[in-house]
Amino acid sequence: MTTREATEQDLNTLLEFEQGIVTTERPFNITLIDGEIHYYDLLHLIQSPDASVIVAVENNEIVGSGYALIKQTEKDYYNFNSFAYLGFMYVKPEYRGRGINKLVLDELIRWARSRGISEIRLDVYDQNEAAVKAYEKAGFEPLLLTMRLK
């Protein structure tokens, strides 16, 4: 298993992964509209100097993905000016449980730290227990819980 930066040639596979993420998240968020949803501007992320899109590859097949995007804080009371936001974490179902998510996370964290970023954040549905456990295993801890009223 290896990781590498995604290229524009990977876009079709990455767009399929995006729909896999949407499918996985639908049970956790009844407010999502029906049909195809695009959370990410993947081409922009691939081309941006402030982002890194990483893919995990086995036998020339892309089996996992994730991105890190450097963002500026919107609040002046934090002890950091920018942070890396992680997203687009996906592993093909038949490859789950093999440490691929951790491999991609480690590469994204390495990329962020190489740019002087010490604060790294991501969002996860609190009811997505498998994802929460995977992120906690990688060293993440809960920070905020968004609550809603219908």
C-alpha atoms as a PDB file:
ATOM      1  CA  MET A   1       0.000   0.000   0.000  1.00  0.00           C
ATOM      2  CA  THR A   2       1.327   3.415  -0.974  1.00  0.00           C
ATOM      3  CA  THR A   3       0.070   6.976  -0.871  1.00  0.00           C
ATOM      4  CA  ARG A   4       0.554   9.768  -3.353  1.00  0.00           C
ATOM      5  CA  GLU A   5      -0.800  13.173  -4.291  1.00  0.00           C
ATOM      6  CA  ALA A   6      -3.957  12.936  -6.377  1.00  0.00           C
ATOM      7  CA  THR A   7      -3.841  14.197  -9.956  1.00  0.00           C
ATOM      8  CA  GLU A   8      -6.483  15.464 -12.339  1.00  0.00           C
ATOM      9  CA  GLN A   9      -6.438  12.009 -13.955  1.00  0.00           C
ATOM     10  CA  ASP A  10      -7.809  10.590 -10.679  1.00  0.00           C
ATOM     11  CA  LEU A  11     -10.879  12.841 -10.750  1.00  0.00           C
ATOM     12  CA  ASN A  12     -13.432  10.270 -11.971  1.00  0.00           C
ATOM     13  CA  THR A  13     -12.497   7.844  -9.193  1.00  0.00           C
ATOM     14  CA  LEU A  14     -12.516  10.647  -6.632  1.00  0.00           C
ATOM     15  CA  LEU A  15     -15.983  11.750  -7.741  1.00  0.00           C
ATOM     16  CA  GLU A  16     -17.180   8.167  -7.183  1.00  0.00           C
ATOM     17  CA  PHE A  17     -15.617   8.256  -3.703  1.00  0.00           C
ATOM     18  CA  GLU A  18     -17.474  11.505  -3.000  1.00  0.00           C
ATOM     19  CA  GLN A  19     -20.801   9.799  -3.716  1.00  0.00           C
ATOM     20  CA  GLY A  20     -19.697   6.930  -1.470  1.00  0.00           C
ATOM     21  CA  ILE A  21     -19.210   9.450   1.326  1.00  0.00           C
ATOM     22  CA  VAL A  22     -22.655  10.938   0.677  1.00  0.00           C
ATOM     23  CA  THR A  23     -24.225   7.465   0.767  1.00  0.00           C
ATOM     24  CA  THR A  24     -22.476   6.688   4.047  1.00  0.00           C
ATOM     25  CA  GLU A  25     -23.553   9.990   5.614  1.00  0.00           C
ATOM     26  CA  ARG A  26     -27.217   9.994   4.551  1.00  0.00           C
ATOM     27  CA  PRO A  27     -28.389   7.909   7.541  1.00  0.00           C
ATOM     28  CA  PHE A  28     -26.746  10.428   9.893  1.00  0.00           C
ATOM     29  CA  ASN A  29     -28.244  13.540   8.276  1.00  0.00           C
ATOM     30  CA  ILE A  30     -31.858  13.494   7.157  1.00  0.00           C
ATOM     31  CA  THR A  31     -31.518  17.068   5.883  1.00  0.00           C
ATOM     32  CA  LEU A  32     -29.448  16.003   2.856  1.00  0.00           C
ATOM     33  CA  ILE A  33     -31.286  16.434  -0.434  1.00  0.00           C
ATOM     34  CA  ASP A  34     -32.023  13.446  -2.648  1.00  0.00           C
ATOM     35  CA  GLY A  35     -29.816  12.668  -5.622  1.00  0.00           C
ATOM     36  CA  GLU A  36     -26.194  13.417  -6.320  1.00  0.00           C
ATOM     37  CA  ILE A  37     -24.471  15.821  -3.941  1.00  0.00           C
ATOM     38  CA  HIS A  38     -21.054  17.409  -4.332  1.00  0.00           C
ATOM     39  CA  TYR A  39     -19.468  18.469  -1.066  1.00  0.00           C
ATOM     40  CA  TYR A  40     -16.068  19.297  -2.512  1.00  0.00           C
ATOM     41  CA  ASP A  41     -14.475  21.140  -5.402  1.00  0.00           C
ATOM     42  CA  LEU A  42     -12.007  18.325  -5.949  1.00  0.00           C
ATOM     43  CA  LEU A  43     -10.293  19.839  -8.983  1.00  0.00           C
ATOM     44  CA  HIS A  44      -9.636  23.042  -7.047  1.00  0.00           C
ATOM     45  CA  LEU A  45      -8.289  21.054  -4.084  1.00  0.00           C
ATOM     46  CA  ILE A  46      -5.958  19.065  -6.367  1.00  0.00           C
ATOM     47  CA  GLN A  47      -4.644  22.261  -7.952  1.00  0.00           C
ATOM     48  CA  SER A  48      -4.437  24.434  -4.812  1.00  0.00           C
ATOM     49  CA  PRO A  49      -1.063  25.117  -3.168  1.00  0.00           C
ATOM     50  CA  ASP A  50      -2.979  25.363   0.137  1.00  0.00           C
ATOM     51  CA  ALA A  51      -4.369  21.833  -0.126  1.00  0.00           C
ATOM     52  CA  SER A  52      -3.167  18.296  -0.449  1.00  0.00           C
ATOM     53  CA  VAL A  53      -5.373  15.518  -1.793  1.00  0.00           C
ATOM     54  CA  ILE A  54      -3.888  12.136  -0.949  1.00  0.00           C
ATOM     55  CA  VAL A  55      -4.896   8.804  -2.392  1.00  0.00           C
ATOM     56  CA  ALA A  56      -4.020   5.353  -1.123  1.00  0.00           C
ATOM     57  CA  VAL A  57      -3.089   2.939  -3.903  1.00  0.00           C
ATOM     58  CA  GLU A  58      -2.830  -0.825  -3.963  1.00  0.00           C
ATOM     59  CA  ASN A  59      -1.949  -2.717  -7.164  1.00  0.00           C
ATOM     60  CA  ASN A  60      -2.474   0.463  -9.236  1.00  0.00           C
ATOM     61  CA  GLU A  61      -6.008   0.862  -7.827  1.00  0.00           C
ATOM     62  CA  ILE A  62      -7.036   3.898  -5.791  1.00  0.00           C
ATOM     63  CA  VAL A  63      -8.614   2.489  -2.642  1.00  0.00           C
ATOM     64  CA  GLY A  64      -8.742   5.481  -0.287  1.00  0.00           C
ATOM     65  CA  SER A  65      -8.592   9.255  -0.156  1.00  0.00           C
ATOM     66  CA  GLY A  66      -8.504  12.359   1.990  1.00  0.00           C
ATOM     67  CA  TYR A  67      -7.569  16.005   1.819  1.00  0.00           C
ATOM     68  CA  ALA A  68      -6.040  18.674   4.012  1.00  0.00           C
ATOM     69  CA  LEU A  69      -6.807  22.332   3.373  1.00  0.00           C
ATOM     70  CA  ILE A  70      -5.081  25.198   5.139  1.00  0.00           C
ATOM     71  CA  LYS A  71      -7.679  27.654   6.406  1.00  0.00           C
ATOM     72  CA  GLN A  72      -7.327  30.952   8.215  1.00  0.00           C
ATOM     73  CA  THR A  73      -9.101  31.265  11.546  1.00  0.00           C
ATOM     74  CA  GLU A  74     -12.155  33.477  11.595  1.00  0.00           C
ATOM     75  CA  LYS A  75     -11.708  34.295  15.276  1.00  0.00           C
ATOM     76  CA  ASP A  76      -9.015  36.506  16.743  1.00  0.00           C
ATOM     77  CA  TYR A  77      -9.072  34.789  20.132  1.00  0.00           C
ATOM     78  CA  TYR A  78      -7.418  31.505  19.107  1.00  0.00           C
ATOM     79  CA  ASN A  79      -3.736  30.924  19.790  1.00  0.00           C
ATOM     80  CA  PHE A  80      -3.218  29.980  16.135  1.00  0.00           C
ATOM     81  CA  ASN A  81      -3.827  31.919  12.919  1.00  0.00           C
ATOM     82  CA  SER A  82      -4.399  29.021  10.572  1.00  0.00           C
ATOM     83  CA  PHE A  83      -5.263  25.350  10.766  1.00  0.00           C
ATOM     84  CA  ALA A  84      -5.502  22.340   8.506  1.00  0.00           C
ATOM     85  CA  TYR A  85      -9.005  21.092   7.880  1.00  0.00           C
ATOM     86  CA  LEU A  86      -9.231  17.428   6.912  1.00  0.00           C
ATOM     87  CA  GLY A  87     -12.023  15.998   4.791  1.00  0.00           C
ATOM     88  CA  PHE A  88     -12.937  13.608   2.001  1.00  0.00           C
ATOM     89  CA  MET A  89     -11.825  10.637   4.068  1.00  0.00           C
ATOM     90  CA  TYR A  90     -12.960   7.538   2.208  1.00  0.00           C
ATOM     91  CA  VAL A  91     -11.867   3.924   1.902  1.00  0.00           C
ATOM     92  CA  LYS A  92     -13.513   1.505  -0.506  1.00  0.00           C
ATOM     93  CA  PRO A  93     -15.698  -0.873   1.534  1.00  0.00           C
ATOM     94  CA  GLU A  94     -13.759  -4.008   0.591  1.00  0.00           C
ATOM     95  CA  TYR A  95     -10.519  -2.407   1.869  1.00  0.00           C
ATOM     96  CA  ARG A  96     -11.801  -1.144   5.239  1.00  0.00           C
ATOM     97  CA  GLY A  97     -10.241  -2.378   8.448  1.00  0.00           C
ATOM     98  CA  ARG A  98      -6.745  -2.510   6.969  1.00  0.00           C
ATOM     99  CA  GLY A  99      -5.362   0.786   8.322  1.00  0.00           C
ATOM    100  CA  ILE A 100      -5.782   2.713   5.087  1.00  0.00           C
ATOM    101  CA  ASN A 101      -7.603   5.638   6.707  1.00  0.00           C
ATOM    102  CA  LYS A 102      -4.753   5.952   9.233  1.00  0.00           C
ATOM    103  CA  LEU A 103      -2.190   5.833   6.427  1.00  0.00           C
ATOM    104  CA  VAL A 104      -3.937   8.698   4.621  1.00  0.00           C
ATOM    105  CA  LEU A 105      -4.428  10.649   7.873  1.00  0.00           C
ATOM    106  CA  ASP A 106      -0.753  10.314   8.744  1.00  0.00           C
ATOM    107  CA  GLU A 107       0.274  11.613   5.326  1.00  0.00           C
ATOM    108  CA  LEU A 108      -2.104  14.586   5.555  1.00  0.00           C
ATOM    109  CA  ILE A 109      -0.900  15.422   9.061  1.00  0.00           C
ATOM    110  CA  ARG A 110       2.724  15.201   7.891  1.00  0.00           C
ATOM    111  CA  TRP A 111       1.895  17.569   5.000  1.00  0.00           C
ATOM    112  CA  ALA A 112       0.216  20.073   7.348  1.00  0.00           C
ATOM    113  CA  ARG A 113       3.056  20.001   9.861  1.00  0.00           C
ATOM    114  CA  SER A 114       5.596  20.510   7.062  1.00  0.00           C
ATOM    115  CA  ARG A 115       3.844  23.828   6.423  1.00  0.00           C
ATOM    116  CA  GLY A 116       4.076  24.919  10.048  1.00  0.00           C
ATOM    117  CA  ILE A 117       0.477  24.031  10.907  1.00  0.00           C
ATOM    118  CA  SER A 118      -0.044  22.722  14.440  1.00  0.00           C
ATOM    119  CA  GLU A 119      -3.853  22.772  14.684  1.00  0.00           C
ATOM    120  CA  ILE A 120      -5.661  20.096  12.677  1.00  0.00           C
ATOM    121  CA  ARG A 121      -9.438  19.729  12.625  1.00  0.00           C
ATOM    122  CA  LEU A 122     -12.127  17.661  10.972  1.00  0.00           C
ATOM    123  CA  ASP A 123     -15.860  17.093  11.208  1.00  0.00           C
ATOM    124  CA  VAL A 124     -17.544  13.756  11.774  1.00  0.00           C
ATOM    125  CA  TYR A 125     -21.136  12.819  12.510  1.00  0.00           C
ATOM    126  CA  ASP A 126     -21.244  11.879  16.189  1.00  0.00           C
ATOM    127  CA  GLN A 127     -23.459   8.878  15.406  1.00  0.00           C
ATOM    128  CA  ASN A 128     -20.892   7.537  12.918  1.00  0.00           C
ATOM    129  CA  GLU A 129     -19.245   5.436  15.600  1.00  0.00           C
ATOM    130  CA  ALA A 130     -16.827   3.661  13.262  1.00  0.00           C
ATOM    131  CA  ALA A 131     -15.453   6.963  11.969  1.00  0.00           C
ATOM    132  CA  VAL A 132     -15.305   8.515  15.437  1.00  0.00           C
ATOM    133  CA  LYS A 133     -13.327   5.520  16.726  1.00  0.00           C
ATOM    134  CA  ALA A 134     -10.962   5.664  13.746  1.00  0.00           C
ATOM    135  CA  TYR A 135     -10.240   9.355  14.345  1.00  0.00           C
ATOM    136  CA  GLU A 136      -9.802   8.850  18.092  1.00  0.00           C
ATOM    137  CA  LYS A 137      -7.392   6.007  17.356  1.00  0.00           C
ATOM    138  CA  ALA A 138      -5.403   8.465  15.218  1.00  0.00           C
ATOM    139  CA  GLY A 139      -5.201  10.874  18.175  1.00  0.00           C
ATOM    140  CA  PHE A 140      -8.144  13.201  17.531  1.00  0.00           C
ATOM    141  CA  GLU A 141     -10.446  14.189  20.358  1.00  0.00           C
ATOM    142  CA  PRO A 142     -13.939  15.737  20.364  1.00  0.00           C
ATOM    143  CA  LEU A 143     -14.099  19.515  20.515  1.00  0.00           C
ATOM    144  CA  LEU A 144     -17.651  20.712  19.777  1.00  0.00           C
ATOM    145  CA  LEU A 145     -20.962  19.070  19.133  1.00  0.00           C
ATOM    146  CA  THR A 146     -23.333  20.860  16.761  1.00  0.00           C
ATOM    147  CA  MET A 147     -26.910  20.471  17.858  1.00  0.00           C
ATOM    148  CA  ARG A 148     -30.048  21.205  15.875  1.00  0.00           C
ATOM    149  CA  LEU A 149     -33.770  21.693  16.392  1.00  0.00           C
ATOM    150  CA  LYS A 150     -36.201  20.825  13.633  1.00  0.00           C
END
